[in-house]
C-alpha cells in the first residue's frame, strides 16, 4: 500500500465539532503563547481542541514543532528541527501550574537527530512538573526512540504514571502511512520493554485507513501480549490532500463494538470513538485503569 493523496468522502455528521467560544480556550492560548510552548492539540490539528482547552487541559509538545519524520497521516510540520531549548521543562511546568493541572500529558515530535531521541527532555520535564506541582501525575506519550532501550529507561526512571506509545495502525498498513513494516514490531517491543521495566503502558490506534477486522483484532492481540493495559481508538482524519486518504468512516456504534472487544481482551480501560485521540480524557482513563488494577 502507498499513501494516496486524494480528497476523502464527505465527513459524516458525528465528526462535526463546535468552534471555540469559552473564555478558558483563549486563556489557555494566551498562556501557551506567553511561555513559548507548543501543543499537539494545535500542531496535529486535533478536533477536540475547543473542548479540551475550554476545560483548561492541553497536551504539551516538547522539543519544538518540527518532526524529523514524514509520516503520511500526520499534520505536524516536517523538516530540520531547531536546537533543544534548555528551559523548556521549566516553562512547561509553569504553564501547567497556571492551568491548575494535577494530571499532565507530555509528548514530543520525533527527534532522530538527537542521540537519545529527546528522552532526557521528557525526564527533565517530569522532574520540573514534580518540583512545581505537588502530587502531579504525568503521562508521557513517547516516540519509538529508534528502539533504543537506554532512552526508554531514561524516561521510565523519571517515574511517569503512564508510558504511552502509539502503534497508530495495524502492521499491514504501515507502508500506507510511510513507515517500514518492521517499525510496527519495534513499537510492540518498546511497549513490552516498558512494561518489563515497571511502567503502566498505553497505546492508540487510528481506524479508517483500509484495515480489516482481522487486522484490528490481531493488533489488539499484539498489544495485550506486550502487556499494554490502556487503549485509545479513534477515526483517522485526512489533514490535507497530500496525506493518506480516509478509506472508511466508522460510526459511533462500530467504535462501541471495538471498545467492548478490547475490554473483553483484557485492556483495563478503553476510550473508543470517532473523535478520540491519544490523550483524550487521559486522566479518566488512568484513574479507571488504576481502579481496575487494584480490584
C-alpha atoms as a PDB file:
ATOM      1  CA  UNK A   1       0.000   0.000   0.000  1.00  0.00           C
ATOM      2  CA  UNK A   2       1.121   3.559  -0.662  1.00  0.00           C
ATOM      3  CA  UNK A   3      -0.017   6.918   0.597  1.00  0.00           C
ATOM      4  CA  UNK A   4      -2.696   8.146  -1.775  1.00  0.00           C
ATOM      5  CA  UNK A   5      -3.213  11.885  -1.539  1.00  0.00           C
ATOM      6  CA  UNK A   6      -6.763  12.414  -2.687  1.00  0.00           C
ATOM      7  CA  UNK A   7      -9.787  14.046  -1.125  1.00  0.00           C
ATOM      8  CA  UNK A   8     -11.763  11.834   1.225  1.00  0.00           C
ATOM      9  CA  UNK A   9     -15.512  11.350   1.145  1.00  0.00           C
ATOM     10  CA  UNK A  10     -17.721  13.899   2.871  1.00  0.00           C
ATOM     11  CA  UNK A  11     -17.411  13.690   6.642  1.00  0.00           C
ATOM     12  CA  UNK A  12     -20.409  12.268   8.498  1.00  0.00           C
ATOM     13  CA  UNK A  13     -22.369  14.402  10.944  1.00  0.00           C
ATOM     14  CA  UNK A  14     -20.837  12.807  14.038  1.00  0.00           C
ATOM     15  CA  UNK A  15     -17.449  14.304  13.190  1.00  0.00           C
ATOM     16  CA  UNK A  16     -18.668  17.893  13.356  1.00  0.00           C
ATOM     17  CA  UNK A  17     -17.247  19.969  16.211  1.00  0.00           C
ATOM     18  CA  UNK A  18     -18.075  23.424  17.509  1.00  0.00           C
ATOM     19  CA  UNK A  19     -15.842  26.458  17.191  1.00  0.00           C
ATOM     20  CA  UNK A  20     -14.218  27.597  20.451  1.00  0.00           C
ATOM     21  CA  UNK A  21     -16.177  30.228  22.372  1.00  0.00           C
ATOM     22  CA  UNK A  22     -15.368  29.576  26.045  1.00  0.00           C
ATOM     23  CA  UNK A  23     -13.114  32.196  27.690  1.00  0.00           C
ATOM     24  CA  UNK A  24     -10.856  29.412  29.021  1.00  0.00           C
ATOM     25  CA  UNK A  25      -9.920  28.464  25.463  1.00  0.00           C
ATOM     26  CA  UNK A  26      -8.429  31.883  24.852  1.00  0.00           C
ATOM     27  CA  UNK A  27      -6.780  31.971  28.296  1.00  0.00           C
ATOM     28  CA  UNK A  28      -5.027  28.694  27.512  1.00  0.00           C
ATOM     29  CA  UNK A  29      -3.930  30.023  24.124  1.00  0.00           C
ATOM     30  CA  UNK A  30      -2.543  33.188  25.747  1.00  0.00           C
ATOM     31  CA  UNK A  31      -0.708  31.222  28.451  1.00  0.00           C
ATOM     32  CA  UNK A  32       0.926  28.934  25.900  1.00  0.00           C
ATOM     33  CA  UNK A  33       1.985  31.935  23.841  1.00  0.00           C
ATOM     34  CA  UNK A  34       3.374  33.704  26.907  1.00  0.00           C
ATOM     35  CA  UNK A  35       5.538  30.696  27.779  1.00  0.00           C
ATOM     36  CA  UNK A  36       6.509  29.999  24.156  1.00  0.00           C
ATOM     37  CA  UNK A  37       5.125  26.464  24.172  1.00  0.00           C
ATOM     38  CA  UNK A  38       3.690  24.105  21.582  1.00  0.00           C
ATOM     39  CA  UNK A  39       0.850  21.614  21.907  1.00  0.00           C
ATOM     40  CA  UNK A  40      -0.015  18.562  19.869  1.00  0.00           C
ATOM     41  CA  UNK A  41      -3.586  19.873  20.038  1.00  0.00           C
ATOM     42  CA  UNK A  42      -2.730  22.651  17.614  1.00  0.00           C
ATOM     43  CA  UNK A  43       0.226  21.167  15.714  1.00  0.00           C
ATOM     44  CA  UNK A  44      -1.666  17.943  14.884  1.00  0.00           C
ATOM     45  CA  UNK A  45      -4.993  19.761  14.337  1.00  0.00           C
ATOM     46  CA  UNK A  46      -6.831  17.789  16.997  1.00  0.00           C
ATOM     47  CA  UNK A  47     -10.618  18.022  16.593  1.00  0.00           C
ATOM     48  CA  UNK A  48     -11.052  18.182  20.386  1.00  0.00           C
ATOM     49  CA  UNK A  49      -9.012  21.339  20.894  1.00  0.00           C
ATOM     50  CA  UNK A  50     -12.040  23.507  21.695  1.00  0.00           C
ATOM     51  CA  UNK A  51     -13.373  21.015  24.246  1.00  0.00           C
ATOM     52  CA  UNK A  52     -10.048  20.348  25.960  1.00  0.00           C
ATOM     53  CA  UNK A  53      -8.734  23.907  26.083  1.00  0.00           C
ATOM     54  CA  UNK A  54     -12.099  25.094  27.363  1.00  0.00           C
ATOM     55  CA  UNK A  55     -11.566  22.660  30.243  1.00  0.00           C
ATOM     56  CA  UNK A  56      -8.046  24.091  30.692  1.00  0.00           C
ATOM     57  CA  UNK A  57      -6.246  20.948  29.592  1.00  0.00           C
ATOM     58  CA  UNK A  58      -3.681  20.587  26.814  1.00  0.00           C
ATOM     59  CA  UNK A  59      -1.079  18.061  25.675  1.00  0.00           C
ATOM     60  CA  UNK A  60       2.343  19.694  25.687  1.00  0.00           C
ATOM     61  CA  UNK A  61       4.516  19.109  22.622  1.00  0.00           C
ATOM     62  CA  UNK A  62       8.180  19.041  23.623  1.00  0.00           C
ATOM     63  CA  UNK A  63      11.282  19.664  21.508  1.00  0.00           C
ATOM     64  CA  UNK A  64       9.735  22.161  19.103  1.00  0.00           C
ATOM     65  CA  UNK A  65       7.049  21.684  16.478  1.00  0.00           C
ATOM     66  CA  UNK A  66       9.082  20.273  13.571  1.00  0.00           C
ATOM     67  CA  UNK A  67       9.403  16.489  13.229  1.00  0.00           C
ATOM     68  CA  UNK A  68      12.306  14.622  11.644  1.00  0.00           C
ATOM     69  CA  UNK A  69       9.942  12.028  10.151  1.00  0.00           C
ATOM     70  CA  UNK A  70       7.332  12.411   7.431  1.00  0.00           C
ATOM     71  CA  UNK A  71       4.502  10.044   8.328  1.00  0.00           C
ATOM     72  CA  UNK A  72       1.690  10.050   5.799  1.00  0.00           C
ATOM     73  CA  UNK A  73      -1.095  10.692   8.313  1.00  0.00           C
ATOM     74  CA  UNK A  74       0.356  13.452  10.496  1.00  0.00           C
ATOM     75  CA  UNK A  75      -0.259  17.202  10.258  1.00  0.00           C
ATOM     76  CA  UNK A  76       2.818  18.161  12.299  1.00  0.00           C
ATOM     77  CA  UNK A  77       5.425  20.063  10.262  1.00  0.00           C
ATOM     78  CA  UNK A  78       8.345  18.032   8.911  1.00  0.00           C
ATOM     79  CA  UNK A  79      11.914  19.106   8.308  1.00  0.00           C
ATOM     80  CA  UNK A  80      15.025  20.154  10.201  1.00  0.00           C
ATOM     81  CA  UNK A  81      14.110  20.985  13.808  1.00  0.00           C
ATOM     82  CA  UNK A  82      15.685  23.755  15.824  1.00  0.00           C
ATOM     83  CA  UNK A  83      18.011  23.401  18.817  1.00  0.00           C
ATOM     84  CA  UNK A  84      16.803  21.990  22.132  1.00  0.00           C
ATOM     85  CA  UNK A  85      15.635  24.772  24.456  1.00  0.00           C
ATOM     86  CA  UNK A  86      17.136  24.001  27.855  1.00  0.00           C
ATOM     87  CA  UNK A  87      14.498  25.929  29.814  1.00  0.00           C
ATOM     88  CA  UNK A  88      11.533  24.257  28.117  1.00  0.00           C
ATOM     89  CA  UNK A  89      10.833  21.864  31.036  1.00  0.00           C
ATOM     90  CA  UNK A  90      10.540  24.801  33.453  1.00  0.00           C
ATOM     91  CA  UNK A  91       8.241  26.684  31.079  1.00  0.00           C
ATOM     92  CA  UNK A  92       6.001  23.631  30.686  1.00  0.00           C
ATOM     93  CA  UNK A  93       5.760  23.291  34.459  1.00  0.00           C
ATOM     94  CA  UNK A  94       4.897  26.970  34.832  1.00  0.00           C
ATOM     95  CA  UNK A  95       2.136  26.732  32.230  1.00  0.00           C
ATOM     96  CA  UNK A  96       0.708  23.539  33.752  1.00  0.00           C
ATOM     97  CA  UNK A  97       0.682  25.254  37.132  1.00  0.00           C
ATOM     98  CA  UNK A  98      -1.092  28.266  35.631  1.00  0.00           C
ATOM     99  CA  UNK A  99      -3.755  25.942  34.215  1.00  0.00           C
ATOM    100  CA  UNK A 100      -4.191  24.327  37.631  1.00  0.00           C
ATOM    101  CA  UNK A 101      -3.393  20.862  36.270  1.00  0.00           C
ATOM    102  CA  UNK A 102      -2.847  17.856  38.505  1.00  0.00           C
ATOM    103  CA  UNK A 103      -2.584  15.438  35.538  1.00  0.00           C
ATOM    104  CA  UNK A 104      -0.266  16.402  32.686  1.00  0.00           C
ATOM    105  CA  UNK A 105       0.286  14.715  29.322  1.00  0.00           C
ATOM    106  CA  UNK A 106       3.651  15.231  27.626  1.00  0.00           C
ATOM    107  CA  UNK A 107       4.502  14.263  24.074  1.00  0.00           C
ATOM    108  CA  UNK A 108       7.059  15.372  21.506  1.00  0.00           C
ATOM    109  CA  UNK A 109       7.905  15.493  17.874  1.00  0.00           C
ATOM    110  CA  UNK A 110      10.223  12.660  16.827  1.00  0.00           C
ATOM    111  CA  UNK A 111      13.827  13.855  17.060  1.00  0.00           C
ATOM    112  CA  UNK A 112      16.002  11.296  15.305  1.00  0.00           C
ATOM    113  CA  UNK A 113      18.710  13.976  15.209  1.00  0.00           C
ATOM    114  CA  UNK A 114      19.285  13.736  18.979  1.00  0.00           C
ATOM    115  CA  UNK A 115      21.452  10.961  20.482  1.00  0.00           C
ATOM    116  CA  UNK A 116      18.747   9.955  22.969  1.00  0.00           C
ATOM    117  CA  UNK A 117      15.786  10.942  20.798  1.00  0.00           C
ATOM    118  CA  UNK A 118      14.819  13.573  23.363  1.00  0.00           C
ATOM    119  CA  UNK A 119      14.349  11.138  26.257  1.00  0.00           C
ATOM    120  CA  UNK A 120      16.322  13.340  28.657  1.00  0.00           C
ATOM    121  CA  UNK A 121      13.985  16.256  27.917  1.00  0.00           C
ATOM    122  CA  UNK A 122      10.987  14.102  28.842  1.00  0.00           C
ATOM    123  CA  UNK A 123      12.736  13.162  32.089  1.00  0.00           C
ATOM    124  CA  UNK A 124      13.683  16.734  32.947  1.00  0.00           C
ATOM    125  CA  UNK A 125      10.142  17.922  32.238  1.00  0.00           C
ATOM    126  CA  UNK A 126       8.635  15.286  34.512  1.00  0.00           C
ATOM    127  CA  UNK A 127      11.069  16.417  37.226  1.00  0.00           C
ATOM    128  CA  UNK A 128      10.202  20.093  36.693  1.00  0.00           C
ATOM    129  CA  UNK A 129       6.498  19.328  36.948  1.00  0.00           C
ATOM    130  CA  UNK A 130       7.024  17.450  40.221  1.00  0.00           C
ATOM    131  CA  UNK A 131       9.093  20.343  41.587  1.00  0.00           C
ATOM    132  CA  UNK A 132       6.349  22.824  40.699  1.00  0.00           C
ATOM    133  CA  UNK A 133       3.061  20.984  41.315  1.00  0.00           C
ATOM    134  CA  UNK A 134       2.687  18.835  44.440  1.00  0.00           C
ATOM    135  CA  UNK A 135       1.181  15.400  43.769  1.00  0.00           C
ATOM    136  CA  UNK A 136       1.128  15.930  39.990  1.00  0.00           C
ATOM    137  CA  UNK A 137       0.653  12.823  37.840  1.00  0.00           C
ATOM    138  CA  UNK A 138       2.309  12.655  34.436  1.00  0.00           C
ATOM    139  CA  UNK A 139       1.646  10.675  31.275  1.00  0.00           C
ATOM    140  CA  UNK A 140       4.406  10.525  28.676  1.00  0.00           C
ATOM    141  CA  UNK A 141       3.404   9.856  25.057  1.00  0.00           C
ATOM    142  CA  UNK A 142       6.771   8.910  23.614  1.00  0.00           C
ATOM    143  CA  UNK A 143       8.202   8.259  20.144  1.00  0.00           C
ATOM    144  CA  UNK A 144       9.930   4.958  19.448  1.00  0.00           C
ATOM    145  CA  UNK A 145      13.450   6.311  20.175  1.00  0.00           C
ATOM    146  CA  UNK A 146      14.535   4.139  17.209  1.00  0.00           C
ATOM    147  CA  UNK A 147      14.146   1.161  19.514  1.00  0.00           C
ATOM    148  CA  UNK A 148      16.865   2.322  21.919  1.00  0.00           C
ATOM    149  CA  UNK A 149      16.044   0.819  25.321  1.00  0.00           C
ATOM    150  CA  UNK A 150      18.512   3.163  27.045  1.00  0.00           C
ATOM    151  CA  UNK A 151      16.339   6.125  26.028  1.00  0.00           C
ATOM    152  CA  UNK A 152      13.245   4.298  27.233  1.00  0.00           C
ATOM    153  CA  UNK A 153      14.928   3.651  30.590  1.00  0.00           C
ATOM    154  CA  UNK A 154      15.709   7.372  30.877  1.00  0.00           C
ATOM    155  CA  UNK A 155      12.011   8.210  30.631  1.00  0.00           C
ATOM    156  CA  UNK A 156      10.880   5.421  32.956  1.00  0.00           C
ATOM    157  CA  UNK A 157      13.476   6.424  35.558  1.00  0.00           C
ATOM    158  CA  UNK A 158      11.579   9.731  35.902  1.00  0.00           C
ATOM    159  CA  UNK A 159       8.579   7.649  37.115  1.00  0.00           C
ATOM    160  CA  UNK A 160       5.734   8.869  34.912  1.00  0.00           C
ATOM    161  CA  UNK A 161       2.438   7.292  35.895  1.00  0.00           C
ATOM    162  CA  UNK A 162       1.722   6.192  32.304  1.00  0.00           C
ATOM    163  CA  UNK A 163       4.036   5.468  29.363  1.00  0.00           C
ATOM    164  CA  UNK A 164       2.068   5.809  26.145  1.00  0.00           C
ATOM    165  CA  UNK A 165       3.336   4.842  22.700  1.00  0.00           C
ATOM    166  CA  UNK A 166       1.001   4.634  19.718  1.00  0.00           C
ATOM    167  CA  UNK A 167       1.088   1.822  17.192  1.00  0.00           C
ATOM    168  CA  UNK A 168      -1.169   4.111  15.074  1.00  0.00           C
ATOM    169  CA  UNK A 169      -2.342   1.413  12.604  1.00  0.00           C
ATOM    170  CA  UNK A 170      -2.152  -2.376  12.166  1.00  0.00           C
ATOM    171  CA  UNK A 171       1.097  -3.763  10.776  1.00  0.00           C
ATOM    172  CA  UNK A 172      -0.098  -4.301   7.162  1.00  0.00           C
ATOM    173  CA  UNK A 173      -0.921  -0.580   6.866  1.00  0.00           C
ATOM    174  CA  UNK A 174       2.487   0.740   7.908  1.00  0.00           C
ATOM    175  CA  UNK A 175       3.567   1.295   4.283  1.00  0.00           C
ATOM    176  CA  UNK A 176       0.340   3.285   3.774  1.00  0.00           C
ATOM    177  CA  UNK A 177       1.474   5.812   6.388  1.00  0.00           C
ATOM    178  CA  UNK A 178       5.044   5.986   5.144  1.00  0.00           C
ATOM    179  CA  UNK A 179       6.613   3.612   7.670  1.00  0.00           C
ATOM    180  CA  UNK A 180       8.525   0.369   7.035  1.00  0.00           C
ATOM    181  CA  UNK A 181       6.583  -2.632   8.347  1.00  0.00           C
ATOM    182  CA  UNK A 182       9.405  -3.603  10.706  1.00  0.00           C
ATOM    183  CA  UNK A 183       8.751  -0.443  12.751  1.00  0.00           C
ATOM    184  CA  UNK A 184       5.469  -1.961  13.914  1.00  0.00           C
ATOM    185  CA  UNK A 185       7.341  -4.765  15.645  1.00  0.00           C
ATOM    186  CA  UNK A 186       9.842  -2.258  17.024  1.00  0.00           C
ATOM    187  CA  UNK A 187       6.997  -0.340  18.637  1.00  0.00           C
ATOM    188  CA  UNK A 188       5.457  -3.511  20.079  1.00  0.00           C
ATOM    189  CA  UNK A 189       8.853  -4.417  21.562  1.00  0.00           C
ATOM    190  CA  UNK A 190       9.143  -0.913  23.053  1.00  0.00           C
ATOM    191  CA  UNK A 191       5.802  -1.295  24.841  1.00  0.00           C
ATOM    192  CA  UNK A 192       6.788  -4.754  26.045  1.00  0.00           C
ATOM    193  CA  UNK A 193      10.105  -3.433  27.373  1.00  0.00           C
ATOM    194  CA  UNK A 194       8.360  -0.526  29.122  1.00  0.00           C
ATOM    195  CA  UNK A 195       6.077  -2.958  30.937  1.00  0.00           C
ATOM    196  CA  UNK A 196       9.002  -5.158  31.860  1.00  0.00           C
ATOM    197  CA  UNK A 197      10.703  -2.096  33.369  1.00  0.00           C
ATOM    198  CA  UNK A 198       7.687  -1.453  35.573  1.00  0.00           C
ATOM    199  CA  UNK A 199       5.696   1.100  33.579  1.00  0.00           C
ATOM    200  CA  UNK A 200       1.934   1.080  33.080  1.00  0.00           C
ATOM    201  CA  UNK A 201       1.604   1.162  29.296  1.00  0.00           C
ATOM    202  CA  UNK A 202      -0.918   2.630  26.904  1.00  0.00           C
ATOM    203  CA  UNK A 203      -1.255   2.723  23.125  1.00  0.00           C
ATOM    204  CA  UNK A 204      -3.511   4.152  20.436  1.00  0.00           C
ATOM    205  CA  UNK A 205      -4.921   3.191  17.052  1.00  0.00           C
ATOM    206  CA  UNK A 206      -6.411   5.163  14.178  1.00  0.00           C
ATOM    207  CA  UNK A 207      -9.127   3.474  12.146  1.00  0.00           C
ATOM    208  CA  UNK A 208     -10.207   4.290   8.623  1.00  0.00           C
ATOM    209  CA  UNK A 209      -7.095   3.736   6.517  1.00  0.00           C
ATOM    210  CA  UNK A 210      -8.199   0.453   4.993  1.00  0.00           C
ATOM    211  CA  UNK A 211      -7.683  -2.018   7.811  1.00  0.00           C
ATOM    212  CA  UNK A 212      -9.739  -5.200   8.031  1.00  0.00           C
ATOM    213  CA  UNK A 213     -11.444  -6.564  11.138  1.00  0.00           C
ATOM    214  CA  UNK A 214      -8.763  -9.241  11.238  1.00  0.00           C
ATOM    215  CA  UNK A 215      -6.063  -6.536  11.179  1.00  0.00           C
ATOM    216  CA  UNK A 216      -7.607  -4.760  14.161  1.00  0.00           C
ATOM    217  CA  UNK A 217      -8.146  -7.981  16.071  1.00  0.00           C
ATOM    218  CA  UNK A 218      -4.552  -9.085  15.510  1.00  0.00           C
ATOM    219  CA  UNK A 219      -3.274  -5.691  16.676  1.00  0.00           C
ATOM    220  CA  UNK A 220      -5.284  -5.909  19.898  1.00  0.00           C
ATOM    221  CA  UNK A 221      -3.764  -9.332  20.495  1.00  0.00           C
ATOM    222  CA  UNK A 222      -0.240  -7.998  19.887  1.00  0.00           C
ATOM    223  CA  UNK A 223      -0.799  -5.176  22.378  1.00  0.00           C
ATOM    224  CA  UNK A 224      -2.157  -7.469  25.061  1.00  0.00           C
ATOM    225  CA  UNK A 225       0.702  -9.932  24.584  1.00  0.00           C
ATOM    226  CA  UNK A 226       3.043  -6.962  25.100  1.00  0.00           C
ATOM    227  CA  UNK A 227       1.277  -6.203  28.393  1.00  0.00           C
ATOM    228  CA  UNK A 228      -0.435  -2.998  27.263  1.00  0.00           C
ATOM    229  CA  UNK A 229      -3.208  -2.042  29.702  1.00  0.00           C
ATOM    230  CA  UNK A 230      -4.810   1.120  28.284  1.00  0.00           C
ATOM    231  CA  UNK A 231      -6.030   1.784  24.750  1.00  0.00           C
ATOM    232  CA  UNK A 232      -7.466   4.616  22.643  1.00  0.00           C
ATOM    233  CA  UNK A 233      -9.156   4.082  19.266  1.00  0.00           C
ATOM    234  CA  UNK A 234     -10.224   6.961  17.034  1.00  0.00           C
ATOM    235  CA  UNK A 235     -11.142   7.887  13.488  1.00  0.00           C
ATOM    236  CA  UNK A 236      -8.334   8.899  11.130  1.00  0.00           C
ATOM    237  CA  UNK A 237      -8.996  12.284   9.527  1.00  0.00           C
ATOM    238  CA  UNK A 238      -7.048  13.371   6.453  1.00  0.00           C
ATOM    239  CA  UNK A 239      -5.207  16.642   7.260  1.00  0.00           C
ATOM    240  CA  UNK A 240      -4.729  17.620   3.595  1.00  0.00           C
ATOM    241  CA  UNK A 241      -4.853  16.212   0.059  1.00  0.00           C
ATOM    242  CA  UNK A 242      -1.163  15.384   0.370  1.00  0.00           C
ATOM    243  CA  UNK A 243      -1.824  12.963   3.243  1.00  0.00           C
ATOM    244  CA  UNK A 244      -3.139   9.405   3.227  1.00  0.00           C
ATOM    245  CA  UNK A 245      -6.814   9.265   2.295  1.00  0.00           C
ATOM    246  CA  UNK A 246      -9.652   8.083   4.520  1.00  0.00           C
ATOM    247  CA  UNK A 247     -10.967   4.706   3.325  1.00  0.00           C
ATOM    248  CA  UNK A 248     -13.818   4.416   5.785  1.00  0.00           C
ATOM    249  CA  UNK A 249     -15.630   6.472   8.402  1.00  0.00           C
ATOM    250  CA  UNK A 250     -16.526   4.322  11.390  1.00  0.00           C
ATOM    251  CA  UNK A 251     -19.788   5.070  13.180  1.00  0.00           C
ATOM    252  CA  UNK A 252     -20.014   5.599  16.957  1.00  0.00           C
ATOM    253  CA  UNK A 253     -21.771   2.233  17.132  1.00  0.00           C
ATOM    254  CA  UNK A 254     -18.872   0.472  15.421  1.00  0.00           C
ATOM    255  CA  UNK A 255     -16.424   2.077  17.834  1.00  0.00           C
ATOM    256  CA  UNK A 256     -18.605   0.873  20.733  1.00  0.00           C
ATOM    257  CA  UNK A 257     -18.280  -2.685  19.426  1.00  0.00           C
ATOM    258  CA  UNK A 258     -14.485  -2.399  19.249  1.00  0.00           C
ATOM    259  CA  UNK A 259     -14.400  -0.933  22.751  1.00  0.00           C
ATOM    260  CA  UNK A 260     -16.285  -3.955  24.096  1.00  0.00           C
ATOM    261  CA  UNK A 261     -13.980  -6.265  22.171  1.00  0.00           C
ATOM    262  CA  UNK A 262     -10.869  -4.593  23.600  1.00  0.00           C
ATOM    263  CA  UNK A 263     -12.202  -4.748  27.148  1.00  0.00           C
ATOM    264  CA  UNK A 264     -13.006  -8.425  26.671  1.00  0.00           C
ATOM    265  CA  UNK A 265      -9.403  -8.910  25.549  1.00  0.00           C
ATOM    266  CA  UNK A 266      -8.232  -7.654  28.934  1.00  0.00           C
ATOM    267  CA  UNK A 267      -7.467  -3.947  28.499  1.00  0.00           C
ATOM    268  CA  UNK A 268      -8.177  -2.218  31.803  1.00  0.00           C
ATOM    269  CA  UNK A 269      -9.544   0.984  30.233  1.00  0.00           C
ATOM    270  CA  UNK A 270     -10.503   1.870  26.658  1.00  0.00           C
ATOM    271  CA  UNK A 271     -11.641   5.102  25.020  1.00  0.00           C
ATOM    272  CA  UNK A 272     -13.041   4.499  21.526  1.00  0.00           C
ATOM    273  CA  UNK A 273     -14.973   6.879  19.322  1.00  0.00           C
ATOM    274  CA  UNK A 274     -14.732   8.950  16.151  1.00  0.00           C
ATOM    275  CA  UNK A 275     -13.096  11.930  17.896  1.00  0.00           C
ATOM    276  CA  UNK A 276     -10.973  10.029  20.416  1.00  0.00           C
ATOM    277  CA  UNK A 277      -7.275  10.855  20.345  1.00  0.00           C
ATOM    278  CA  UNK A 278      -4.253   9.611  22.299  1.00  0.00           C
ATOM    279  CA  UNK A 279      -4.625  11.918  25.281  1.00  0.00           C
ATOM    280  CA  UNK A 280      -8.408  12.338  25.200  1.00  0.00           C
ATOM    281  CA  UNK A 281      -9.783  12.027  28.753  1.00  0.00           C
ATOM    282  CA  UNK A 282      -6.358  10.773  29.771  1.00  0.00           C
ATOM    283  CA  UNK A 283      -6.852  11.342  33.492  1.00  0.00           C
ATOM    284  CA  UNK A 284     -10.172   9.492  33.465  1.00  0.00           C
ATOM    285  CA  UNK A 285      -8.534   6.532  31.716  1.00  0.00           C
ATOM    286  CA  UNK A 286      -5.636   6.474  34.155  1.00  0.00           C
ATOM    287  CA  UNK A 287      -8.000   6.561  37.142  1.00  0.00           C
ATOM    288  CA  UNK A 288     -10.171   3.774  35.728  1.00  0.00           C
ATOM    289  CA  UNK A 289      -7.167   1.643  34.873  1.00  0.00           C
ATOM    290  CA  UNK A 290      -5.738   2.078  38.373  1.00  0.00           C
ATOM    291  CA  UNK A 291      -9.068   1.209  39.994  1.00  0.00           C
ATOM    292  CA  UNK A 292      -9.434  -1.969  37.950  1.00  0.00           C
ATOM    293  CA  UNK A 293      -5.846  -2.916  38.685  1.00  0.00           C
ATOM    294  CA  UNK A 294      -6.498  -2.603  42.438  1.00  0.00           C
ATOM    295  CA  UNK A 295      -9.626  -4.746  42.121  1.00  0.00           C
END
